[in-house]
Amino acid sequence: MQIIFPKEPPEYCGPELTLAFAAMVDGERLECVITAEALEDHFGAESTRAEDMLGAFDAHRERIEAATRRLLSETRGRCAVLRSGYVRFYEANVRPS
């Protein structure tokens, strides 16, 4: 499975307190989502305000994409919602390269 993340800015969704970002999975565009809770718990977002969430995403994009890549691989490209619990599990079990 080939997973590529276009270098596009994520999109804030206030009512759902998420950021949406794109992935290309085997050539098909897929919308991925990370929750505000995950950004606050693991990536330093100070609040659910757009600027705080976007700043945390930008500062930790590589880690967020790595966790999302693993989630997409595990679900064969079907689940693209990165929640705090998954990030905690992923980071506790990630193997250094």
Protein backbone atom coordinates (compact mmCIF):
# COMPACT_ATOMS: atom_id res chain seq x y z
CA MET A 1 0.00 0.00 0.00
CA GLN A 2 1.46 3.35 -1.06
CA ILE A 3 0.58 6.26 1.24
CA ILE A 4 1.61 9.82 0.42
CA PHE A 5 0.66 13.00 2.24
CA PRO A 6 0.37 16.05 -0.03
CA LYS A 7 1.95 19.12 1.56
CA GLU A 8 -1.33 20.98 1.83
CA PRO A 9 -2.49 22.89 4.89
CA PRO A 10 -4.99 21.07 7.10
CA GLU A 11 -8.54 22.38 7.36
CA TYR A 12 -10.06 23.31 10.72
CA CYS A 13 -13.57 22.05 11.49
CA GLY A 14 -14.81 23.97 14.54
CA PRO A 15 -18.10 22.15 15.15
CA GLU A 16 -16.31 18.79 15.31
CA LEU A 17 -13.06 20.09 16.85
CA THR A 18 -10.90 18.37 14.26
CA LEU A 19 -8.38 19.11 11.55
CA ALA A 20 -8.77 17.41 8.18
CA PHE A 21 -5.75 16.67 6.01
CA ALA A 22 -5.25 14.75 2.79
CA ALA A 23 -3.59 11.44 2.09
CA MET A 24 -3.15 9.64 -1.20
CA VAL A 25 -3.63 5.89 -0.69
CA ASP A 26 -2.70 3.86 -3.75
CA GLY A 27 -3.43 6.91 -5.90
CA GLU A 28 -6.83 7.71 -4.35
CA ARG A 29 -7.35 10.87 -2.32
CA LEU A 30 -8.58 10.23 1.20
CA GLU A 31 -9.51 12.74 3.88
CA CYS A 32 -7.84 12.03 7.21
CA VAL A 33 -8.85 13.65 10.47
CA ILE A 34 -7.08 14.30 13.77
CA THR A 35 -9.07 15.25 16.84
CA ALA A 36 -8.46 18.26 19.04
CA GLU A 37 -8.02 15.87 21.95
CA ALA A 38 -5.15 14.09 20.17
CA LEU A 39 -3.53 17.42 19.30
CA GLU A 40 -3.81 18.63 22.91
CA ASP A 41 -2.77 15.35 24.57
CA HIS A 42 0.18 14.47 22.33
CA PHE A 43 1.22 17.40 20.15
CA GLY A 44 1.12 20.47 22.39
CA ALA A 45 -2.03 22.27 21.22
CA GLU A 46 -2.92 24.68 24.03
CA SER A 47 -6.64 24.81 23.18
CA THR A 48 -9.20 23.86 20.57
CA ARG A 49 -8.86 27.22 18.86
CA ALA A 50 -7.95 26.94 15.19
CA GLU A 51 -4.60 28.70 15.56
CA ASP A 52 -3.52 26.42 18.42
CA MET A 53 -4.54 23.25 16.62
CA LEU A 54 -2.97 24.33 13.32
CA GLY A 55 0.26 25.34 15.06
CA ALA A 56 0.51 21.96 16.81
CA PHE A 57 -0.17 20.14 13.55
CA ASP A 58 2.51 22.12 11.70
CA ALA A 59 5.07 21.60 14.47
CA HIS A 60 4.45 17.84 14.62
CA ARG A 61 3.34 17.03 11.09
CA GLU A 62 5.95 14.31 10.61
CA ARG A 63 4.84 12.42 13.75
CA ILE A 64 1.15 12.87 12.88
CA GLU A 65 1.70 11.55 9.35
CA ALA A 66 3.69 8.58 10.68
CA ALA A 67 0.88 7.61 13.06
CA THR A 68 -1.70 8.13 10.32
CA ARG A 69 0.34 6.00 7.89
CA ARG A 70 0.34 3.14 10.39
CA LEU A 71 -3.40 3.52 11.08
CA LEU A 72 -4.16 3.48 7.35
CA SER A 73 -1.95 0.42 6.88
CA GLU A 74 -3.64 -1.43 9.74
CA THR A 75 -7.14 -0.67 8.43
CA ARG A 76 -6.28 -1.10 4.74
CA GLY A 77 -7.04 2.55 4.10
CA ARG A 78 -10.49 2.53 5.65
CA CYS A 79 -10.04 4.33 8.97
CA ALA A 80 -8.52 7.76 8.87
CA VAL A 81 -9.52 9.30 12.22
CA LEU A 82 -6.54 9.80 14.47
CA ARG A 83 -7.75 9.85 18.08
CA SER A 84 -5.79 10.39 21.27
CA GLY A 85 -5.98 6.73 22.32
CA TYR A 86 -4.55 5.54 19.03
CA VAL A 87 -1.69 8.05 19.19
CA ARG A 88 -0.88 6.90 22.74
CA PHE A 89 -0.86 3.25 21.58
CA TYR A 90 1.16 4.05 18.45
CA GLU A 91 3.82 6.07 20.27
CA ALA A 92 4.16 3.43 23.01
CA ASN A 93 4.76 0.75 20.37
CA VAL A 94 6.68 2.55 17.63
CA ARG A 95 9.99 1.00 16.77
CA PRO A 96 12.88 3.38 16.16
CA SER A 97 14.27 3.26 12.62
